Amino acid sequence: ATSAGLRAWRERQRRGSVMRPETFAKIE
């Protein structure tokens, strides 16, 4: 479900721009 375009786009994003680390930890 994760296309090559999506993976490439995500790599170009700054850390925390997709989801904050705190949010990830909270969901976990």
mmCIF file of all heavy atoms, coordinates in Angstrom:
data_MODEL
# 
_entry.id   MODEL 
# 
loop_
_atom_site.group_PDB 
_atom_site.id 
_atom_site.type_symbol 
_atom_site.label_atom_id 
_atom_site.label_alt_id 
_atom_site.label_comp_id 
_atom_site.label_asym_id 
_atom_site.label_entity_id 
_atom_site.label_seq_id 
_atom_site.pdbx_PDB_ins_code 
_atom_site.Cartn_x 
_atom_site.Cartn_y 
_atom_site.Cartn_z 
_atom_site.occupancy 
_atom_site.B_iso_or_equiv 
_atom_site.pdbx_formal_charge 
_atom_site.auth_seq_id 
_atom_site.auth_comp_id 
_atom_site.auth_asym_id 
_atom_site.auth_atom_id 
_atom_site.pdbx_PDB_model_num 
ATOM 1   N N   . ALA A 1 1  ? 0.824  -1.208 0.000  1.00 0.00 ? 1  ALA A N   1 
ATOM 2   C CA  . ALA A 1 1  ? 0.000  0.000  0.000  1.00 0.00 ? 1  ALA A CA  1 
ATOM 3   C C   . ALA A 1 1  ? 0.861  1.263  0.000  1.00 0.00 ? 1  ALA A C   1 
ATOM 4   O O   . ALA A 1 1  ? 0.366  2.341  -0.307 1.00 0.00 ? 1  ALA A O   1 
ATOM 5   C CB  . ALA A 1 1  ? -0.934 0.003  1.199  1.00 0.00 ? 1  ALA A CB  1 
ATOM 6   N N   . THR A 1 2  ? 2.143  1.145  0.359  1.00 0.00 ? 2  THR A N   1 
ATOM 7   C CA  . THR A 1 2  ? 3.024  2.314  0.357  1.00 0.00 ? 2  THR A CA  1 
ATOM 8   C C   . THR A 1 2  ? 3.773  2.330  -0.970 1.00 0.00 ? 2  THR A C   1 
ATOM 9   O O   . THR A 1 2  ? 4.662  1.523  -1.197 1.00 0.00 ? 2  THR A O   1 
ATOM 10  C CB  . THR A 1 2  ? 4.018  2.296  1.532  1.00 0.00 ? 2  THR A CB  1 
ATOM 11  O OG1 . THR A 1 2  ? 4.785  1.107  1.462  1.00 0.00 ? 2  THR A OG1 1 
ATOM 12  C CG2 . THR A 1 2  ? 3.313  2.358  2.856  1.00 0.00 ? 2  THR A CG2 1 
ATOM 13  N N   . SER A 1 3  ? 3.406  3.237  -1.819 1.00 0.00 ? 3  SER A N   1 
ATOM 14  C CA  . SER A 1 3  ? 4.016  3.320  -3.135 1.00 0.00 ? 3  SER A CA  1 
ATOM 15  C C   . SER A 1 3  ? 5.422  3.894  -3.037 1.00 0.00 ? 3  SER A C   1 
ATOM 16  O O   . SER A 1 3  ? 5.809  4.483  -2.024 1.00 0.00 ? 3  SER A O   1 
ATOM 17  C CB  . SER A 1 3  ? 3.166  4.210  -4.035 1.00 0.00 ? 3  SER A CB  1 
ATOM 18  O OG  . SER A 1 3  ? 3.186  5.535  -3.546 1.00 0.00 ? 3  SER A OG  1 
ATOM 19  N N   . ALA A 1 4  ? 6.173  3.746  -4.105 1.00 0.00 ? 4  ALA A N   1 
ATOM 20  C CA  . ALA A 1 4  ? 7.528  4.301  -4.145 1.00 0.00 ? 4  ALA A CA  1 
ATOM 21  C C   . ALA A 1 4  ? 7.469  5.822  -4.026 1.00 0.00 ? 4  ALA A C   1 
ATOM 22  O O   . ALA A 1 4  ? 8.330  6.432  -3.384 1.00 0.00 ? 4  ALA A O   1 
ATOM 23  C CB  . ALA A 1 4  ? 8.212  3.892  -5.445 1.00 0.00 ? 4  ALA A CB  1 
ATOM 24  N N   . GLY A 1 5  ? 6.443  6.427  -4.619 1.00 0.00 ? 5  GLY A N   1 
ATOM 25  C CA  . GLY A 1 5  ? 6.288  7.882  -4.530 1.00 0.00 ? 5  GLY A CA  1 
ATOM 26  C C   . GLY A 1 5  ? 6.061  8.338  -3.097 1.00 0.00 ? 5  GLY A C   1 
ATOM 27  O O   . GLY A 1 5  ? 6.627  9.333  -2.651 1.00 0.00 ? 5  GLY A O   1 
ATOM 28  N N   . LEU A 1 6  ? 5.236  7.592  -2.367 1.00 0.00 ? 6  LEU A N   1 
ATOM 29  C CA  . LEU A 1 6  ? 4.970  7.920  -0.965 1.00 0.00 ? 6  LEU A CA  1 
ATOM 30  C C   . LEU A 1 6  ? 6.242  7.789  -0.132 1.00 0.00 ? 6  LEU A C   1 
ATOM 31  O O   . LEU A 1 6  ? 6.560  8.664  0.675  1.00 0.00 ? 6  LEU A O   1 
ATOM 32  C CB  . LEU A 1 6  ? 3.879  7.009  -0.404 1.00 0.00 ? 6  LEU A CB  1 
ATOM 33  C CG  . LEU A 1 6  ? 3.638  7.066  1.105  1.00 0.00 ? 6  LEU A CG  1 
ATOM 34  C CD1 . LEU A 1 6  ? 3.213  8.461  1.535  1.00 0.00 ? 6  LEU A CD1 1 
ATOM 35  C CD2 . LEU A 1 6  ? 2.597  6.047  1.509  1.00 0.00 ? 6  LEU A CD2 1 
ATOM 36  N N   . ARG A 1 7  ? 6.987  6.706  -0.337 1.00 0.00 ? 7  ARG A N   1 
ATOM 37  C CA  . ARG A 1 7  ? 8.223  6.515  0.432  1.00 0.00 ? 7  ARG A CA  1 
ATOM 38  C C   . ARG A 1 7  ? 9.236  7.610  0.127  1.00 0.00 ? 7  ARG A C   1 
ATOM 39  O O   . ARG A 1 7  ? 9.883  8.136  1.027  1.00 0.00 ? 7  ARG A O   1 
ATOM 40  C CB  . ARG A 1 7  ? 8.808  5.136  0.150  1.00 0.00 ? 7  ARG A CB  1 
ATOM 41  C CG  . ARG A 1 7  ? 7.992  4.010  0.778  1.00 0.00 ? 7  ARG A CG  1 
ATOM 42  C CD  . ARG A 1 7  ? 8.712  2.685  0.717  1.00 0.00 ? 7  ARG A CD  1 
ATOM 43  N NE  . ARG A 1 7  ? 9.096  2.285  -0.626 1.00 0.00 ? 7  ARG A NE  1 
ATOM 44  C CZ  . ARG A 1 7  ? 8.348  1.558  -1.433 1.00 0.00 ? 7  ARG A CZ  1 
ATOM 45  N NH1 . ARG A 1 7  ? 7.173  1.137  -1.045 1.00 0.00 ? 7  ARG A NH1 1 
ATOM 46  N NH2 . ARG A 1 7  ? 8.774  1.243  -2.640 1.00 0.00 ? 7  ARG A NH2 1 
ATOM 47  N N   . ALA A 1 8  ? 9.361  7.982  -1.144 1.00 0.00 ? 8  ALA A N   1 
ATOM 48  C CA  . ALA A 1 8  ? 10.294 9.043  -1.516 1.00 0.00 ? 8  ALA A CA  1 
ATOM 49  C C   . ALA A 1 8  ? 9.863  10.384 -0.921 1.00 0.00 ? 8  ALA A C   1 
ATOM 50  O O   . ALA A 1 8  ? 10.696 11.154 -0.428 1.00 0.00 ? 8  ALA A O   1 
ATOM 51  C CB  . ALA A 1 8  ? 10.392 9.155  -3.033 1.00 0.00 ? 8  ALA A CB  1 
ATOM 52  N N   . TRP A 1 9  ? 8.549  10.654 -0.945 1.00 0.00 ? 9  TRP A N   1 
ATOM 53  C CA  . TRP A 1 9  ? 8.031  11.904 -0.380 1.00 0.00 ? 9  TRP A CA  1 
ATOM 54  C C   . TRP A 1 9  ? 8.309  11.964 1.122  1.00 0.00 ? 9  TRP A C   1 
ATOM 55  O O   . TRP A 1 9  ? 8.725  12.979 1.648  1.00 0.00 ? 9  TRP A O   1 
ATOM 56  C CB  . TRP A 1 9  ? 6.523  11.982 -0.636 1.00 0.00 ? 9  TRP A CB  1 
ATOM 57  C CG  . TRP A 1 9  ? 5.856  13.138 0.018  1.00 0.00 ? 9  TRP A CG  1 
ATOM 58  C CD1 . TRP A 1 9  ? 5.779  14.414 -0.447 1.00 0.00 ? 9  TRP A CD1 1 
ATOM 59  C CD2 . TRP A 1 9  ? 5.175  13.142 1.278  1.00 0.00 ? 9  TRP A CD2 1 
ATOM 60  N NE1 . TRP A 1 9  ? 5.084  15.198 0.450  1.00 0.00 ? 9  TRP A NE1 1 
ATOM 61  C CE2 . TRP A 1 9  ? 4.712  14.446 1.514  1.00 0.00 ? 9  TRP A CE2 1 
ATOM 62  C CE3 . TRP A 1 9  ? 4.922  12.155 2.226  1.00 0.00 ? 9  TRP A CE3 1 
ATOM 63  C CZ2 . TRP A 1 9  ? 4.011  14.785 2.656  1.00 0.00 ? 9  TRP A CZ2 1 
ATOM 64  C CZ3 . TRP A 1 9  ? 4.219  12.494 3.362  1.00 0.00 ? 9  TRP A CZ3 1 
ATOM 65  C CH2 . TRP A 1 9  ? 3.769  13.802 3.559  1.00 0.00 ? 9  TRP A CH2 1 
ATOM 66  N N   . ARG A 1 10 ? 8.089  10.838 1.812  1.00 0.00 ? 10 ARG A N   1 
ATOM 67  C CA  . ARG A 1 10 ? 8.299  10.802 3.258  1.00 0.00 ? 10 ARG A CA  1 
ATOM 68  C C   . ARG A 1 10 ? 9.760  11.048 3.617  1.00 0.00 ? 10 ARG A C   1 
ATOM 69  O O   . ARG A 1 10 ? 10.073 11.732 4.589  1.00 0.00 ? 10 ARG A O   1 
ATOM 70  C CB  . ARG A 1 10 ? 7.850  9.472  3.846  1.00 0.00 ? 10 ARG A CB  1 
ATOM 71  C CG  . ARG A 1 10 ? 7.904  9.482  5.369  1.00 0.00 ? 10 ARG A CG  1 
ATOM 72  C CD  . ARG A 1 10 ? 7.749  8.110  5.943  1.00 0.00 ? 10 ARG A CD  1 
ATOM 73  N NE  . ARG A 1 10 ? 8.792  7.195  5.575  1.00 0.00 ? 10 ARG A NE  1 
ATOM 74  C CZ  . ARG A 1 10 ? 9.956  7.066  6.222  1.00 0.00 ? 10 ARG A CZ  1 
ATOM 75  N NH1 . ARG A 1 10 ? 10.224 7.814  7.248  1.00 0.00 ? 10 ARG A NH1 1 
ATOM 76  N NH2 . ARG A 1 10 ? 10.839 6.180  5.824  1.00 0.00 ? 10 ARG A NH2 1 
ATOM 77  N N   . GLU A 1 11 ? 10.669 10.522 2.821  1.00 0.00 ? 11 GLU A N   1 
ATOM 78  C CA  . GLU A 1 11 ? 12.095 10.730 3.096  1.00 0.00 ? 11 GLU A CA  1 
ATOM 79  C C   . GLU A 1 11 ? 12.489 12.194 2.953  1.00 0.00 ? 11 GLU A C   1 
ATOM 80  O O   . GLU A 1 11 ? 13.428 12.642 3.596  1.00 0.00 ? 11 GLU A O   1 
ATOM 81  C CB  . GLU A 1 11 ? 12.946 9.874  2.169  1.00 0.00 ? 11 GLU A CB  1 
ATOM 82  C CG  . GLU A 1 11 ? 12.895 8.406  2.529  1.00 0.00 ? 11 GLU A CG  1 
ATOM 83  C CD  . GLU A 1 11 ? 13.636 7.540  1.534  1.00 0.00 ? 11 GLU A CD  1 
ATOM 84  O OE1 . GLU A 1 11 ? 14.303 8.098  0.637  1.00 0.00 ? 11 GLU A OE1 1 
ATOM 85  O OE2 . GLU A 1 11 ? 13.541 6.309  1.660  1.00 0.00 ? 11 GLU A OE2 1 
ATOM 86  N N   . ARG A 1 12 ? 11.782 12.935 2.124  1.00 0.00 ? 12 ARG A N   1 
ATOM 87  C CA  . ARG A 1 12 ? 12.094 14.363 1.934  1.00 0.00 ? 12 ARG A CA  1 
ATOM 88  C C   . ARG A 1 12 ? 11.526 15.245 3.045  1.00 0.00 ? 12 ARG A C   1 
ATOM 89  O O   . ARG A 1 12 ? 11.909 16.401 3.154  1.00 0.00 ? 12 ARG A O   1 
ATOM 90  C CB  . ARG A 1 12 ? 11.559 14.839 0.587  1.00 0.00 ? 12 ARG A CB  1 
ATOM 91  C CG  . ARG A 1 12 ? 12.291 14.267 -0.600 1.00 0.00 ? 12 ARG A CG  1 
ATOM 92  C CD  . ARG A 1 12 ? 11.911 14.975 -1.892 1.00 0.00 ? 12 ARG A CD  1 
ATOM 93  N NE  . ARG A 1 12 ? 10.488 14.984 -2.153 1.00 0.00 ? 12 ARG A NE  1 
ATOM 94  C CZ  . ARG A 1 12 ? 9.824  14.094 -2.871 1.00 0.00 ? 12 ARG A CZ  1 
ATOM 95  N NH1 . ARG A 1 12 ? 10.477 13.065 -3.392 1.00 0.00 ? 12 ARG A NH1 1 
ATOM 96  N NH2 . ARG A 1 12 ? 8.536  14.201 -3.076 1.00 0.00 ? 12 ARG A NH2 1 
ATOM 97  N N   . GLN A 1 13 ? 10.627 14.694 3.855  1.00 0.00 ? 13 GLN A N   1 
ATOM 98  C CA  . GLN A 1 13 ? 9.993  15.495 4.903  1.00 0.00 ? 13 GLN A CA  1 
ATOM 99  C C   . GLN A 1 13 ? 10.909 15.619 6.119  1.00 0.00 ? 13 GLN A C   1 
ATOM 100 O O   . GLN A 1 13 ? 11.701 14.734 6.405  1.00 0.00 ? 13 GLN A O   1 
ATOM 101 C CB  . GLN A 1 13 ? 8.668  14.861 5.343  1.00 0.00 ? 13 GLN A CB  1 
ATOM 102 C CG  . GLN A 1 13 ? 7.681  14.652 4.229  1.00 0.00 ? 13 GLN A CG  1 
ATOM 103 C CD  . GLN A 1 13 ? 7.452  15.908 3.417  1.00 0.00 ? 13 GLN A CD  1 
ATOM 104 O OE1 . GLN A 1 13 ? 7.051  16.924 3.945  1.00 0.00 ? 13 GLN A OE1 1 
ATOM 105 N NE2 . GLN A 1 13 ? 7.721  15.828 2.126  1.00 0.00 ? 13 GLN A NE2 1 
ATOM 106 N N   . ARG A 1 14 ? 10.768 16.745 6.822  1.00 0.00 ? 14 ARG A N   1 
ATOM 107 C CA  . ARG A 1 14 ? 11.530 16.923 8.059  1.00 0.00 ? 14 ARG A CA  1 
ATOM 108 C C   . ARG A 1 14 ? 10.984 16.011 9.144  1.00 0.00 ? 14 ARG A C   1 
ATOM 109 O O   . ARG A 1 14 ? 9.808  15.625 9.108  1.00 0.00 ? 14 ARG A O   1 
ATOM 110 C CB  . ARG A 1 14 ? 11.442 18.376 8.526  1.00 0.00 ? 14 ARG A CB  1 
ATOM 111 C CG  . ARG A 1 14 ? 12.217 19.327 7.656  1.00 0.00 ? 14 ARG A CG  1 
ATOM 112 C CD  . ARG A 1 14 ? 12.402 20.672 8.342  1.00 0.00 ? 14 ARG A CD  1 
ATOM 113 N NE  . ARG A 1 14 ? 11.182 21.170 8.955  1.00 0.00 ? 14 ARG A NE  1 
ATOM 114 C CZ  . ARG A 1 14 ? 10.448 22.158 8.465  1.00 0.00 ? 14 ARG A CZ  1 
ATOM 115 N NH1 . ARG A 1 14 ? 10.806 22.763 7.364  1.00 0.00 ? 14 ARG A NH1 1 
ATOM 116 N NH2 . ARG A 1 14 ? 9.351  22.552 9.088  1.00 0.00 ? 14 ARG A NH2 1 
ATOM 117 N N   . ARG A 1 15 ? 11.813 15.717 10.121 1.00 0.00 ? 15 ARG A N   1 
ATOM 118 C CA  . ARG A 1 15 ? 11.406 14.865 11.234 1.00 0.00 ? 15 ARG A CA  1 
ATOM 119 C C   . ARG A 1 15 ? 10.217 15.505 11.965 1.00 0.00 ? 15 ARG A C   1 
ATOM 120 O O   . ARG A 1 15 ? 10.245 16.687 12.273 1.00 0.00 ? 15 ARG A O   1 
ATOM 121 C CB  . ARG A 1 15 ? 12.567 14.704 12.199 1.00 0.00 ? 15 ARG A CB  1 
ATOM 122 C CG  . ARG A 1 15 ? 12.265 13.770 13.350 1.00 0.00 ? 15 ARG A CG  1 
ATOM 123 C CD  . ARG A 1 15 ? 13.495 13.637 14.233 1.00 0.00 ? 15 ARG A CD  1 
ATOM 124 N NE  . ARG A 1 15 ? 13.319 12.600 15.236 1.00 0.00 ? 15 ARG A NE  1 
ATOM 125 C CZ  . ARG A 1 15 ? 12.755 12.801 16.417 1.00 0.00 ? 15 ARG A CZ  1 
ATOM 126 N NH1 . ARG A 1 15 ? 12.317 13.993 16.754 1.00 0.00 ? 15 ARG A NH1 1 
ATOM 127 N NH2 . ARG A 1 15 ? 12.635 11.811 17.278 1.00 0.00 ? 15 ARG A NH2 1 
ATOM 128 N N   . GLY A 1 16 ? 9.200  14.709 12.193 1.00 0.00 ? 16 GLY A N   1 
ATOM 129 C CA  . GLY A 1 16 ? 8.040  15.199 12.913 1.00 0.00 ? 16 GLY A CA  1 
ATOM 130 C C   . GLY A 1 16 ? 6.999  15.892 12.060 1.00 0.00 ? 16 GLY A C   1 
ATOM 131 O O   . GLY A 1 16 ? 5.963  16.315 12.574 1.00 0.00 ? 16 GLY A O   1 
ATOM 132 N N   . SER A 1 17 ? 7.247  16.029 10.759 1.00 0.00 ? 17 SER A N   1 
ATOM 133 C CA  . SER A 1 17 ? 6.264  16.719 9.923  1.00 0.00 ? 17 SER A CA  1 
ATOM 134 C C   . SER A 1 17 ? 5.094  15.809 9.547  1.00 0.00 ? 17 SER A C   1 
ATOM 135 O O   . SER A 1 17 ? 3.996  16.293 9.303  1.00 0.00 ? 17 SER A O   1 
ATOM 136 C CB  . SER A 1 17 ? 6.919  17.285 8.664  1.00 0.00 ? 17 SER A CB  1 
ATOM 137 O OG  . SER A 1 17 ? 7.377  16.242 7.844  1.00 0.00 ? 17 SER A OG  1 
ATOM 138 N N   . VAL A 1 18 ? 5.309  14.519 9.509  1.00 0.00 ? 18 VAL A N   1 
ATOM 139 C CA  . VAL A 1 18 ? 4.216  13.591 9.221  1.00 0.00 ? 18 VAL A CA  1 
ATOM 140 C C   . VAL A 1 18 ? 3.444  13.330 10.507 1.00 0.00 ? 18 VAL A C   1 
ATOM 141 O O   . VAL A 1 18 ? 2.227  13.464 10.555 1.00 0.00 ? 18 VAL A O   1 
ATOM 142 C CB  . VAL A 1 18 ? 4.745  12.264 8.633  1.00 0.00 ? 18 VAL A CB  1 
ATOM 143 C CG1 . VAL A 1 18 ? 3.627  11.254 8.484  1.00 0.00 ? 18 VAL A CG1 1 
ATOM 144 C CG2 . VAL A 1 18 ? 5.409  12.509 7.295  1.00 0.00 ? 18 VAL A CG2 1 
ATOM 145 N N   . MET A 1 19 ? 4.154  12.976 11.560 1.00 0.00 ? 19 MET A N   1 
ATOM 146 C CA  . MET A 1 19 ? 3.537  12.745 12.864 1.00 0.00 ? 19 MET A CA  1 
ATOM 147 C C   . MET A 1 19 ? 4.595  13.041 13.924 1.00 0.00 ? 19 MET A C   1 
ATOM 148 O O   . MET A 1 19 ? 5.733  12.599 13.799 1.00 0.00 ? 19 MET A O   1 
ATOM 149 C CB  . MET A 1 19 ? 3.067  11.293 13.000 1.00 0.00 ? 19 MET A CB  1 
ATOM 150 C CG  . MET A 1 19 ? 2.411  10.993 14.325 1.00 0.00 ? 19 MET A CG  1 
ATOM 151 S SD  . MET A 1 19 ? 1.981  9.251  14.503 1.00 0.00 ? 19 MET A SD  1 
ATOM 152 C CE  . MET A 1 19 ? 0.512  9.164  13.495 1.00 0.00 ? 19 MET A CE  1 
ATOM 153 N N   . ARG A 1 20 ? 4.205  13.791 14.930 1.00 0.00 ? 20 ARG A N   1 
ATOM 154 C CA  . ARG A 1 20 ? 5.153  14.110 15.999 1.00 0.00 ? 20 ARG A CA  1 
ATOM 155 C C   . ARG A 1 20 ? 5.549  12.842 16.754 1.00 0.00 ? 20 ARG A C   1 
ATOM 156 O O   . ARG A 1 20 ? 4.711  11.958 16.953 1.00 0.00 ? 20 ARG A O   1 
ATOM 157 C CB  . ARG A 1 20 ? 4.530  15.085 16.978 1.00 0.00 ? 20 ARG A CB  1 
ATOM 158 C CG  . ARG A 1 20 ? 4.331  16.446 16.424 1.00 0.00 ? 20 ARG A CG  1 
ATOM 159 C CD  . ARG A 1 20 ? 3.802  17.347 17.510 1.00 0.00 ? 20 ARG A CD  1 
ATOM 160 N NE  . ARG A 1 20 ? 3.462  18.642 16.970 1.00 0.00 ? 20 ARG A NE  1 
ATOM 161 C CZ  . ARG A 1 20 ? 2.512  19.401 17.443 1.00 0.00 ? 20 ARG A CZ  1 
ATOM 162 N NH1 . ARG A 1 20 ? 1.796  19.002 18.473 1.00 0.00 ? 20 ARG A NH1 1 
ATOM 163 N NH2 . ARG A 1 20 ? 2.260  20.571 16.905 1.00 0.00 ? 20 ARG A NH2 1 
ATOM 164 N N   . PRO A 1 21 ? 6.791  12.753 17.197 1.00 0.00 ? 21 PRO A N   1 
ATOM 165 C CA  . PRO A 1 21 ? 7.210  11.582 17.970 1.00 0.00 ? 21 PRO A CA  1 
ATOM 166 C C   . PRO A 1 21 ? 6.365  11.373 19.230 1.00 0.00 ? 21 PRO A C   1 
ATOM 167 O O   . PRO A 1 21 ? 6.087  10.231 19.618 1.00 0.00 ? 21 PRO A O   1 
ATOM 168 C CB  . PRO A 1 21 ? 8.666  11.888 18.334 1.00 0.00 ? 21 PRO A CB  1 
ATOM 169 C CG  . PRO A 1 21 ? 9.127  12.842 17.295 1.00 0.00 ? 21 PRO A CG  1 
ATOM 170 C CD  . PRO A 1 21 ? 7.924  13.650 16.921 1.00 0.00 ? 21 PRO A CD  1 
ATOM 171 N N   . GLU A 1 22 ? 5.922  12.482 19.855 1.00 0.00 ? 22 GLU A N   1 
ATOM 172 C CA  . GLU A 1 22 ? 5.086  12.351 21.054 1.00 0.00 ? 22 GLU A CA  1 
ATOM 173 C C   . GLU A 1 22 ? 3.754  11.690 20.712 1.00 0.00 ? 22 GLU A C   1 
ATOM 174 O O   . GLU A 1 22 ? 3.226  10.891 21.492 1.00 0.00 ? 22 GLU A O   1 
ATOM 175 C CB  . GLU A 1 22 ? 4.795  13.723 21.688 1.00 0.00 ? 22 GLU A CB  1 
ATOM 176 C CG  . GLU A 1 22 ? 6.014  14.558 22.016 1.00 0.00 ? 22 GLU A CG  1 
ATOM 177 C CD  . GLU A 1 22 ? 6.458  15.423 20.842 1.00 0.00 ? 22 GLU A CD  1 
ATOM 178 O OE1 . GLU A 1 22 ? 5.640  16.186 20.306 1.00 0.00 ? 22 GLU A OE1 1 
ATOM 179 O OE2 . GLU A 1 22 ? 7.634  15.336 20.488 1.00 0.00 ? 22 GLU A OE2 1 
ATOM 180 N N   . THR A 1 23 ? 3.204  12.035 19.554 1.00 0.00 ? 23 THR A N   1 
ATOM 181 C CA  . THR A 1 23 ? 1.932  11.454 19.128 1.00 0.00 ? 23 THR A CA  1 
ATOM 182 C C   . THR A 1 23 ? 2.093  9.960  18.883 1.00 0.00 ? 23 THR A C   1 
ATOM 183 O O   . THR A 1 23 ? 1.251  9.157  19.283 1.00 0.00 ? 23 THR A O   1 
ATOM 184 C CB  . THR A 1 23 ? 1.422  12.142 17.850 1.00 0.00 ? 23 THR A CB  1 
ATOM 185 O OG1 . THR A 1 23 ? 1.374  13.549 18.076 1.00 0.00 ? 23 THR A OG1 1 
ATOM 186 C CG2 . THR A 1 23 ? 0.055  11.641 17.453 1.00 0.00 ? 23 THR A CG2 1 
ATOM 187 N N   . PHE A 1 24 ? 3.205  9.589  18.233 1.00 0.00 ? 24 PHE A N   1 
ATOM 188 C CA  . PHE A 1 24 ? 3.488  8.176  17.974 1.00 0.00 ? 24 PHE A CA  1 
ATOM 189 C C   . PHE A 1 24 ? 3.563  7.413  19.300 1.00 0.00 ? 24 PHE A C   1 
ATOM 190 O O   . PHE A 1 24 ? 2.955  6.351  19.460 1.00 0.00 ? 24 PHE A O   1 
ATOM 191 C CB  . PHE A 1 24 ? 4.803  8.041  17.201 1.00 0.00 ? 24 PHE A CB  1 
ATOM 192 C CG  . PHE A 1 24 ? 5.075  6.657  16.699 1.00 0.00 ? 24 PHE A CG  1 
ATOM 193 C CD1 . PHE A 1 24 ? 4.637  6.257  15.453 1.00 0.00 ? 24 PHE A CD1 1 
ATOM 194 C CD2 . PHE A 1 24 ? 5.775  5.743  17.468 1.00 0.00 ? 24 PHE A CD2 1 
ATOM 195 C CE1 . PHE A 1 24 ? 4.893  4.982  14.981 1.00 0.00 ? 24 PHE A CE1 1 
ATOM 196 C CE2 . PHE A 1 24 ? 6.031  4.466  17.019 1.00 0.00 ? 24 PHE A CE2 1 
ATOM 197 C CZ  . PHE A 1 24 ? 5.592  4.090  15.768 1.00 0.00 ? 24 PHE A CZ  1 
ATOM 198 N N   . ALA A 1 25 ? 4.290  7.986  20.269 1.00 0.00 ? 25 ALA A N   1 
ATOM 199 C CA  . ALA A 1 25 ? 4.440  7.341  21.576 1.00 0.00 ? 25 ALA A CA  1 
ATOM 200 C C   . ALA A 1 25 ? 3.100  7.242  22.296 1.00 0.00 ? 25 ALA A C   1 
ATOM 201 O O   . ALA A 1 25 ? 2.812  6.233  22.964 1.00 0.00 ? 25 ALA A O   1 
ATOM 202 C CB  . ALA A 1 25 ? 5.450  8.107  22.416 1.00 0.00 ? 25 ALA A CB  1 
ATOM 203 N N   . LYS A 1 26 ? 2.275  8.276  22.163 1.00 0.00 ? 26 LYS A N   1 
ATOM 204 C CA  . LYS A 1 26 ? 0.964  8.275  22.819 1.00 0.00 ? 26 LYS A CA  1 
ATOM 205 C C   . LYS A 1 26 ? 0.079  7.163  22.251 1.00 0.00 ? 26 LYS A C   1 
ATOM 206 O O   . LYS A 1 26 ? -0.575 6.442  23.009 1.00 0.00 ? 26 LYS A O   1 
ATOM 207 C CB  . LYS A 1 26 ? 0.295  9.637  22.632 1.00 0.00 ? 26 LYS A CB  1 
ATOM 208 C CG  . LYS A 1 26 ? -1.002 9.795  23.399 1.00 0.00 ? 26 LYS A CG  1 
ATOM 209 C CD  . LYS A 1 26 ? -1.443 11.239 23.424 1.00 0.00 ? 26 LYS A CD  1 
ATOM 210 C CE  . LYS A 1 26 ? -2.434 11.494 22.317 1.00 0.00 ? 26 LYS A CE  1 
ATOM 211 N NZ  . LYS A 1 26 ? -2.993 12.845 22.339 1.00 0.00 ? 26 LYS A NZ  1 
ATOM 212 N N   . ILE A 1 27 ? 0.100  7.001  20.932 1.00 0.00 ? 27 ILE A N   1 
ATOM 213 C CA  . ILE A 1 27 ? -0.692 5.942  20.296 1.00 0.00 ? 27 ILE A CA  1 
ATOM 214 C C   . ILE A 1 27 ? -0.177 4.583  20.750 1.00 0.00 ? 27 ILE A C   1 
ATOM 215 O O   . ILE A 1 27 ? -0.958 3.669  21.048 1.00 0.00 ? 27 ILE A O   1 
ATOM 216 C CB  . ILE A 1 27 ? -0.638 6.069  18.755 1.00 0.00 ? 27 ILE A CB  1 
ATOM 217 C CG1 . ILE A 1 27 ? -1.349 7.337  18.309 1.00 0.00 ? 27 ILE A CG1 1 
ATOM 218 C CG2 . ILE A 1 27 ? -1.243 4.843  18.083 1.00 0.00 ? 27 ILE A CG2 1 
ATOM 219 C CD1 . ILE A 1 27 ? -1.141 7.689  16.858 1.00 0.00 ? 27 ILE A CD1 1 
ATOM 220 N N   . GLU A 1 28 ? 1.148  4.474  20.840 1.00 0.00 ? 28 GLU A N   1 
ATOM 221 C CA  . GLU A 1 28 ? 1.764  3.221  21.279 1.00 0.00 ? 28 GLU A CA  1 
ATOM 222 C C   . GLU A 1 28 ? 1.336  2.876  22.719 1.00 0.00 ? 28 GLU A C   1 
ATOM 223 O O   . GLU A 1 28 ? 0.979  1.730  23.012 1.00 0.00 ? 28 GLU A O   1 
ATOM 224 C CB  . GLU A 1 28 ? 3.282  3.381  21.208 1.00 0.00 ? 28 GLU A CB  1 
ATOM 225 C CG  . GLU A 1 28 ? 4.035  2.120  20.959 1.00 0.00 ? 28 GLU A CG  1 
ATOM 226 C CD  . GLU A 1 28 ? 5.495  2.360  20.686 1.00 0.00 ? 28 GLU A CD  1 
ATOM 227 O OE1 . GLU A 1 28 ? 5.949  3.522  20.627 1.00 0.00 ? 28 GLU A OE1 1 
ATOM 228 O OE2 . GLU A 1 28 ? 6.198  1.358  20.550 1.00 0.00 ? 28 GLU A OE2 1 
# 
